[in-house]
Amino acid sequence: ATLHEIPPNGQGIAALMALGMLKGTGIEALH
């Protein structure tokens, strides 16, 4: 899945950044 947000001036980019940082953490295997 791909999350889409409106470009700045809004804060939506923060959700995308957090998703990118969570890759490789194994979060998908957690409850």
Full PDB file with SEQRES, HELIX, SHEET, SSBOND, CRYST1, ORIGX, SCALE, CONECT and MASTER records, all heavy atoms in Angstrom:
SEQRES   1 A   31  ALA THR LEU HIS GLU ILE PRO PRO ASN GLY GLN GLY ILE          
SEQRES   2 A   31  ALA ALA LEU MET ALA LEU GLY MET LEU LYS GLY THR GLY          
SEQRES   3 A   31  ILE GLU ALA LEU HIS                                          
HELIX    1 AA1 GLY A   12  LEU A   22  1                                  11    
HELIX    2 AA2 ILE A   27  ALA A   29  5                                   3    
CRYST1    1.000    1.000    1.000  90.00  90.00  90.00 P 1           1          
ORIGX1      1.000000  0.000000  0.000000        0.00000                         
ORIGX2      0.000000  1.000000  0.000000        0.00000                         
ORIGX3      0.000000  0.000000  1.000000        0.00000                         
SCALE1      1.000000  0.000000  0.000000        0.00000                         
SCALE2      0.000000  1.000000  0.000000        0.00000                         
SCALE3      0.000000  0.000000  1.000000        0.00000                         
ATOM      1  N   ALA A   1       0.838  -1.202   0.000  1.00  0.00           N  
ATOM      2  CA  ALA A   1       0.000   0.000   0.000  1.00  0.00           C  
ATOM      3  C   ALA A   1       0.871   1.250   0.000  1.00  0.00           C  
ATOM      4  O   ALA A   1       1.978   1.258   0.526  1.00  0.00           O  
ATOM      5  CB  ALA A   1      -0.928   0.006   1.208  1.00  0.00           C  
ATOM      6  N   THR A   2       0.335   2.320  -0.590  1.00  0.00           N  
ATOM      7  CA  THR A   2       1.054   3.593  -0.676  1.00  0.00           C  
ATOM      8  C   THR A   2       0.189   4.700  -0.093  1.00  0.00           C  
ATOM      9  O   THR A   2      -0.947   4.908  -0.533  1.00  0.00           O  
ATOM     10  CB  THR A   2       1.407   3.932  -2.132  1.00  0.00           C  
ATOM     11  OG1 THR A   2       2.175   2.867  -2.695  1.00  0.00           O  
ATOM     12  CG2 THR A   2       2.206   5.223  -2.207  1.00  0.00           C  
ATOM     13  N   LEU A   3       0.713   5.389   0.887  1.00  0.00           N  
ATOM     14  CA  LEU A   3       0.001   6.509   1.508  1.00  0.00           C  
ATOM     15  C   LEU A   3       0.321   7.790   0.755  1.00  0.00           C  
ATOM     16  O   LEU A   3       1.486   8.106   0.523  1.00  0.00           O  
ATOM     17  CB  LEU A   3       0.409   6.651   2.977  1.00  0.00           C  
ATOM     18  CG  LEU A   3      -0.177   7.849   3.742  1.00  0.00           C  
ATOM     19  CD1 LEU A   3      -1.696   7.787   3.784  1.00  0.00           C  
ATOM     20  CD2 LEU A   3       0.394   7.913   5.163  1.00  0.00           C  
ATOM     21  N   HIS A   4      -0.726   8.520   0.364  1.00  0.00           N  
ATOM     22  CA  HIS A   4      -0.583   9.794  -0.339  1.00  0.00           C  
ATOM     23  C   HIS A   4      -1.033  10.938   0.563  1.00  0.00           C  
ATOM     24  O   HIS A   4      -2.045  10.841   1.256  1.00  0.00           O  
ATOM     25  CB  HIS A   4      -1.423   9.804  -1.624  1.00  0.00           C  
ATOM     26  CG  HIS A   4      -0.887   8.934  -2.703  1.00  0.00           C  
ATOM     27  ND1 HIS A   4      -0.219   9.426  -3.810  1.00  0.00           N  
ATOM     28  CD2 HIS A   4      -0.902   7.582  -2.855  1.00  0.00           C  
ATOM     29  CE1 HIS A   4       0.149   8.423  -4.587  1.00  0.00           C  
ATOM     30  NE2 HIS A   4      -0.260   7.294  -4.033  1.00  0.00           N  
ATOM     31  N   GLU A   5      -0.271  12.029   0.518  1.00  0.00           N  
ATOM     32  CA  GLU A   5      -0.577  13.229   1.286  1.00  0.00           C  
ATOM     33  C   GLU A   5      -0.410  14.457   0.386  1.00  0.00           C  
ATOM     34  O   GLU A   5       0.233  14.392  -0.666  1.00  0.00           O  
ATOM     35  CB  GLU A   5       0.366  13.359   2.494  1.00  0.00           C  
ATOM     36  CG  GLU A   5       0.326  12.195   3.474  1.00  0.00           C  
ATOM     37  CD  GLU A   5      -0.836  12.265   4.443  1.00  0.00           C  
ATOM     38  OE1 GLU A   5      -1.566  13.288   4.431  1.00  0.00           O  
ATOM     39  OE2 GLU A   5      -1.006  11.316   5.230  1.00  0.00           O  
ATOM     40  N   ILE A   6      -0.973  15.586   0.821  1.00  0.00           N  
ATOM     41  CA  ILE A   6      -0.771  16.858   0.129  1.00  0.00           C  
ATOM     42  C   ILE A   6       0.632  17.369   0.465  1.00  0.00           C  
ATOM     43  O   ILE A   6       1.068  17.290   1.622  1.00  0.00           O  
ATOM     44  CB  ILE A   6      -1.829  17.883   0.564  1.00  0.00           C  
ATOM     45  CG1 ILE A   6      -3.229  17.441   0.095  1.00  0.00           C  
ATOM     46  CG2 ILE A   6      -1.507  19.282   0.033  1.00  0.00           C  
ATOM     47  CD1 ILE A   6      -3.462  17.516  -1.390  1.00  0.00           C  
ATOM     48  N   PRO A   7       1.380  17.902  -0.510  1.00  0.00           N  
ATOM     49  CA  PRO A   7       2.719  18.447  -0.223  1.00  0.00           C  
ATOM     50  C   PRO A   7       2.648  19.631   0.748  1.00  0.00           C  
ATOM     51  O   PRO A   7       1.586  20.227   0.941  1.00  0.00           O  
ATOM     52  CB  PRO A   7       3.219  18.910  -1.595  1.00  0.00           C  
ATOM     53  CG  PRO A   7       2.356  18.231  -2.596  1.00  0.00           C  
ATOM     54  CD  PRO A   7       1.026  18.026  -1.936  1.00  0.00           C  
ATOM     55  N   PRO A   8       3.783  19.998   1.373  1.00  0.00           N  
ATOM     56  CA  PRO A   8       3.802  21.185   2.234  1.00  0.00           C  
ATOM     57  C   PRO A   8       3.248  22.398   1.486  1.00  0.00           C  
ATOM     58  O   PRO A   8       3.384  22.480   0.275  1.00  0.00           O  
ATOM     59  CB  PRO A   8       5.290  21.369   2.535  1.00  0.00           C  
ATOM     60  CG  PRO A   8       5.875  20.002   2.405  1.00  0.00           C  
ATOM     61  CD  PRO A   8       5.091  19.367   1.286  1.00  0.00           C  
ATOM     62  N   ASN A   9       2.517  23.237   2.255  1.00  0.00           N  
ATOM     63  CA  ASN A   9       2.696  23.690   3.600  1.00  0.00           C  
ATOM     64  C   ASN A   9       2.076  22.866   4.727  1.00  0.00           C  
ATOM     65  O   ASN A   9       2.043  23.353   5.869  1.00  0.00           O  
ATOM     66  CB  ASN A   9       2.144  25.108   3.713  1.00  0.00           C  
ATOM     67  CG  ASN A   9       0.684  25.191   3.198  1.00  0.00           C  
ATOM     68  OD1 ASN A   9       0.279  24.624   2.187  1.00  0.00           O  
ATOM     69  ND2 ASN A   9      -0.105  25.961   3.903  1.00  0.00           N  
ATOM     70  N   GLY A  10       1.588  21.668   4.482  1.00  0.00           N  
ATOM     71  CA  GLY A  10       0.912  20.888   5.502  1.00  0.00           C  
ATOM     72  C   GLY A  10       1.819  19.878   6.178  1.00  0.00           C  
ATOM     73  O   GLY A  10       2.935  19.607   5.732  1.00  0.00           O  
ATOM     74  N   GLN A  11       1.276  19.269   7.264  1.00  0.00           N  
ATOM     75  CA  GLN A  11       2.057  18.342   8.067  1.00  0.00           C  
ATOM     76  C   GLN A  11       1.950  16.895   7.585  1.00  0.00           C  
ATOM     77  O   GLN A  11       2.526  15.990   8.191  1.00  0.00           O  
ATOM     78  CB  GLN A  11       1.632  18.416   9.527  1.00  0.00           C  
ATOM     79  CG  GLN A  11       0.208  17.923   9.810  1.00  0.00           C  
ATOM     80  CD  GLN A  11      -0.074  17.741  11.282  1.00  0.00           C  
ATOM     81  OE1 GLN A  11       0.771  17.283  12.041  1.00  0.00           O  
ATOM     82  NE2 GLN A  11      -1.285  18.113  11.705  1.00  0.00           N  
ATOM     83  N   GLY A  12       1.227  16.650   6.480  1.00  0.00           N  
ATOM     84  CA  GLY A  12       1.060  15.290   6.002  1.00  0.00           C  
ATOM     85  C   GLY A  12       2.379  14.579   5.726  1.00  0.00           C  
ATOM     86  O   GLY A  12       2.487  13.356   5.860  1.00  0.00           O  
ATOM     87  N   ILE A  13       3.389  15.330   5.356  1.00  0.00           N  
ATOM     88  CA  ILE A  13       4.702  14.752   5.081  1.00  0.00           C  
ATOM     89  C   ILE A  13       5.253  14.016   6.300  1.00  0.00           C  
ATOM     90  O   ILE A  13       6.027  13.057   6.164  1.00  0.00           O  
ATOM     91  CB  ILE A  13       5.683  15.848   4.594  1.00  0.00           C  
ATOM     92  CG1 ILE A  13       6.958  15.216   4.008  1.00  0.00           C  
ATOM     93  CG2 ILE A  13       5.987  16.851   5.684  1.00  0.00           C  
ATOM     94  CD1 ILE A  13       7.860  16.229   3.334  1.00  0.00           C  
ATOM     95  N   ALA A  14       4.846  14.410   7.514  1.00  0.00           N  
ATOM     96  CA  ALA A  14       5.334  13.744   8.727  1.00  0.00           C  
ATOM     97  C   ALA A  14       4.878  12.292   8.777  1.00  0.00           C  
ATOM     98  O   ALA A  14       5.636  11.410   9.215  1.00  0.00           O  
ATOM     99  CB  ALA A  14       4.862  14.488   9.969  1.00  0.00           C  
ATOM    100  N   ALA A  15       3.642  12.014   8.352  1.00  0.00           N  
ATOM    101  CA  ALA A  15       3.160  10.636   8.331  1.00  0.00           C  
ATOM    102  C   ALA A  15       3.979   9.799   7.350  1.00  0.00           C  
ATOM    103  O   ALA A  15       4.312   8.641   7.630  1.00  0.00           O  
ATOM    104  CB  ALA A  15       1.679  10.603   7.964  1.00  0.00           C  
ATOM    105  N   LEU A  16       4.305  10.382   6.199  1.00  0.00           N  
ATOM    106  CA  LEU A  16       5.112   9.666   5.207  1.00  0.00           C  
ATOM    107  C   LEU A  16       6.515   9.407   5.725  1.00  0.00           C  
ATOM    108  O   LEU A  16       7.079   8.316   5.533  1.00  0.00           O  
ATOM    109  CB  LEU A  16       5.182  10.471   3.911  1.00  0.00           C  
ATOM    110  CG  LEU A  16       3.855  10.850   3.258  1.00  0.00           C  
ATOM    111  CD1 LEU A  16       4.116  11.621   1.959  1.00  0.00           C  
ATOM    112  CD2 LEU A  16       3.002   9.628   2.988  1.00  0.00           C  
ATOM    113  N   MET A  17       7.099  10.395   6.374  1.00  0.00           N  
ATOM    114  CA  MET A  17       8.441  10.231   6.931  1.00  0.00           C  
ATOM    115  C   MET A  17       8.463   9.130   7.982  1.00  0.00           C  
ATOM    116  O   MET A  17       9.372   8.284   8.009  1.00  0.00           O  
ATOM    117  CB  MET A  17       8.921  11.552   7.525  1.00  0.00           C  
ATOM    118  CG  MET A  17       9.142  12.651   6.498  1.00  0.00           C  
ATOM    119  SD  MET A  17       9.455  14.263   7.273  1.00  0.00           S  
ATOM    120  CE  MET A  17      11.064  13.946   8.019  1.00  0.00           C  
ATOM    121  N   ALA A  18       7.449   9.125   8.841  1.00  0.00           N  
ATOM    122  CA  ALA A  18       7.391   8.098   9.881  1.00  0.00           C  
ATOM    123  C   ALA A  18       7.254   6.705   9.268  1.00  0.00           C  
ATOM    124  O   ALA A  18       7.891   5.749   9.732  1.00  0.00           O  
ATOM    125  CB  ALA A  18       6.230   8.385  10.828  1.00  0.00           C  
ATOM    126  N   LEU A  19       6.439   6.578   8.217  1.00  0.00           N  
ATOM    127  CA  LEU A  19       6.317   5.286   7.525  1.00  0.00           C  
ATOM    128  C   LEU A  19       7.672   4.828   7.004  1.00  0.00           C  
ATOM    129  O   LEU A  19       8.052   3.656   7.145  1.00  0.00           O  
ATOM    130  CB  LEU A  19       5.335   5.399   6.362  1.00  0.00           C  
ATOM    131  CG  LEU A  19       3.858   5.134   6.604  1.00  0.00           C  
ATOM    132  CD1 LEU A  19       3.112   5.219   5.295  1.00  0.00           C  
ATOM    133  CD2 LEU A  19       3.619   3.789   7.280  1.00  0.00           C  
ATOM    134  N   GLY A  20       8.383   5.767   6.369  1.00  0.00           N  
ATOM    135  CA  GLY A  20       9.696   5.432   5.832  1.00  0.00           C  
ATOM    136  C   GLY A  20      10.672   4.990   6.907  1.00  0.00           C  
ATOM    137  O   GLY A  20      11.475   4.068   6.699  1.00  0.00           O  
ATOM    138  N   MET A  21      10.608   5.621   8.060  1.00  0.00           N  
ATOM    139  CA  MET A  21      11.499   5.258   9.168  1.00  0.00           C  
ATOM    140  C   MET A  21      11.155   3.892   9.758  1.00  0.00           C  
ATOM    141  O   MET A  21      12.013   3.209  10.320  1.00  0.00           O  
ATOM    142  CB  MET A  21      11.427   6.316  10.269  1.00  0.00           C  
ATOM    143  CG  MET A  21      11.952   7.686   9.870  1.00  0.00           C  
ATOM    144  SD  MET A  21      11.642   8.876  11.194  1.00  0.00           S  
ATOM    145  CE  MET A  21      11.751  10.426  10.298  1.00  0.00           C  
ATOM    146  N   LEU A  22       9.878   3.476   9.647  1.00  0.00           N  
ATOM    147  CA  LEU A  22       9.450   2.213  10.240  1.00  0.00           C  
ATOM    148  C   LEU A  22       9.789   0.998   9.380  1.00  0.00           C  
ATOM    149  O   LEU A  22       9.673  -0.141   9.852  1.00  0.00           O  
ATOM    150  CB  LEU A  22       7.939   2.250  10.515  1.00  0.00           C  
ATOM    151  CG  LEU A  22       7.509   3.154  11.670  1.00  0.00           C  
ATOM    152  CD1 LEU A  22       6.001   3.286  11.717  1.00  0.00           C  
ATOM    153  CD2 LEU A  22       8.046   2.627  13.002  1.00  0.00           C  
ATOM    154  N   LYS A  23      10.175   1.234   8.142  1.00  0.00           N  
ATOM    155  CA  LYS A  23      10.579   0.112   7.296  1.00  0.00           C  
ATOM    156  C   LYS A  23      11.801  -0.563   7.915  1.00  0.00           C  
ATOM    157  O   LYS A  23      12.751   0.099   8.325  1.00  0.00           O  
ATOM    158  CB  LYS A  23      10.915   0.591   5.884  1.00  0.00           C  
ATOM    159  CG  LYS A  23       9.708   1.040   5.078  1.00  0.00           C  
ATOM    160  CD  LYS A  23      10.117   1.446   3.674  1.00  0.00           C  
ATOM    161  CE  LYS A  23       8.929   1.906   2.860  1.00  0.00           C  
ATOM    162  NZ  LYS A  23       9.318   2.307   1.480  1.00  0.00           N  
ATOM    163  N   GLY A  24      11.751  -1.846   7.990  1.00  0.00           N  
ATOM    164  CA  GLY A  24      12.880  -2.570   8.538  1.00  0.00           C  
ATOM    165  C   GLY A  24      12.844  -2.746  10.041  1.00  0.00           C  
ATOM    166  O   GLY A  24      13.723  -3.393  10.618  1.00  0.00           O  
ATOM    167  N   THR A  25      11.840  -2.183  10.709  1.00  0.00           N  
ATOM    168  CA  THR A  25      11.736  -2.338  12.163  1.00  0.00           C  
ATOM    169  C   THR A  25      11.006  -3.619  12.556  1.00  0.00           C  
ATOM    170  O   THR A  25      11.017  -4.010  13.725  1.00  0.00           O  
ATOM    171  CB  THR A  25      10.991  -1.145  12.792  1.00  0.00           C  
ATOM    172  OG1 THR A  25       9.640  -1.111  12.288  1.00  0.00           O  
ATOM    173  CG2 THR A  25      11.686   0.168  12.494  1.00  0.00           C  
ATOM    174  N   GLY A  26      10.317  -4.235  11.572  1.00  0.00           N  
ATOM    175  CA  GLY A  26       9.544  -5.430  11.875  1.00  0.00           C  
ATOM    176  C   GLY A  26       8.210  -5.154  12.517  1.00  0.00           C  
ATOM    177  O   GLY A  26       7.567  -6.056  13.062  1.00  0.00           O  
ATOM    178  N   ILE A  27       7.735  -3.926  12.433  1.00  0.00           N  
ATOM    179  CA  ILE A  27       6.490  -3.550  13.100  1.00  0.00           C  
ATOM    180  C   ILE A  27       5.296  -4.335  12.582  1.00  0.00           C  
ATOM    181  O   ILE A  27       4.348  -4.617  13.316  1.00  0.00           O  
ATOM    182  CB  ILE A  27       6.238  -2.028  12.974  1.00  0.00           C  
ATOM    183  CG1 ILE A  27       5.090  -1.604  13.905  1.00  0.00           C  
ATOM    184  CG2 ILE A  27       5.979  -1.622  11.516  1.00  0.00           C  
ATOM    185  CD1 ILE A  27       4.900  -0.108  13.997  1.00  0.00           C  
ATOM    186  N   GLU A  28       5.351  -4.748  11.308  1.00  0.00           N  
ATOM    187  CA  GLU A  28       4.213  -5.454  10.721  1.00  0.00           C  
ATOM    188  C   GLU A  28       3.958  -6.803  11.397  1.00  0.00           C  
ATOM    189  O   GLU A  28       2.850  -7.351  11.325  1.00  0.00           O  
ATOM    190  CB  GLU A  28       4.421  -5.643   9.216  1.00  0.00           C  
ATOM    191  CG  GLU A  28       5.662  -6.411   8.833  1.00  0.00           C  
ATOM    192  CD  GLU A  28       6.880  -5.515   8.648  1.00  0.00           C  
ATOM    193  OE1 GLU A  28       6.915  -4.415   9.224  1.00  0.00           O  
ATOM    194  OE2 GLU A  28       7.784  -5.931   7.903  1.00  0.00           O  
ATOM    195  N   ALA A  29       4.948  -7.361  12.064  1.00  0.00           N  
ATOM    196  CA  ALA A  29       4.795  -8.652  12.747  1.00  0.00           C  
ATOM    197  C   ALA A  29       4.237  -8.507  14.156  1.00  0.00           C  
ATOM    198  O   ALA A  29       3.910  -9.508  14.801  1.00  0.00           O  
ATOM    199  CB  ALA A  29       6.137  -9.383  12.786  1.00  0.00           C  
ATOM    200  N   LEU A  30       4.120  -7.276  14.631  1.00  0.00           N  
ATOM    201  CA  LEU A  30       3.652  -7.038  15.995  1.00  0.00           C  
ATOM    202  C   LEU A  30       2.131  -6.912  16.035  1.00  0.00           C  
ATOM    203  O   LEU A  30       1.481  -6.605  15.036  1.00  0.00           O  
ATOM    204  CB  LEU A  30       4.283  -5.757  16.545  1.00  0.00           C  
ATOM    205  CG  LEU A  30       5.814  -5.746  16.629  1.00  0.00           C  
ATOM    206  CD1 LEU A  30       6.296  -4.366  17.067  1.00  0.00           C  
ATOM    207  CD2 LEU A  30       6.319  -6.824  17.583  1.00  0.00           C  
ATOM    208  N   HIS A  31       1.543  -7.118  17.207  1.00  0.00           N  
ATOM    209  CA  HIS A  31       0.109  -6.909  17.384  1.00  0.00           C  
ATOM    210  C   HIS A  31      -0.168  -5.409  17.370  1.00  0.00           C  
ATOM    211  O   HIS A  31       0.599  -4.620  17.944  1.00  0.00           O  
ATOM    212  CB  HIS A  31      -0.361  -7.513  18.715  1.00  0.00           C  
ATOM    213  CG  HIS A  31      -1.843  -7.507  18.882  1.00  0.00           C  
ATOM    214  ND1 HIS A  31      -2.542  -6.385  19.295  1.00  0.00           N  
ATOM    215  CD2 HIS A  31      -2.778  -8.472  18.677  1.00  0.00           C  
ATOM    216  CE1 HIS A  31      -3.839  -6.659  19.339  1.00  0.00           C  
ATOM    217  NE2 HIS A  31      -4.014  -7.924  18.976  1.00  0.00           N  
TER     218      HIS A  31                                                      
MASTER        0    0    0    2    0    0    0    6  217    1    0    3          
END                                                                             
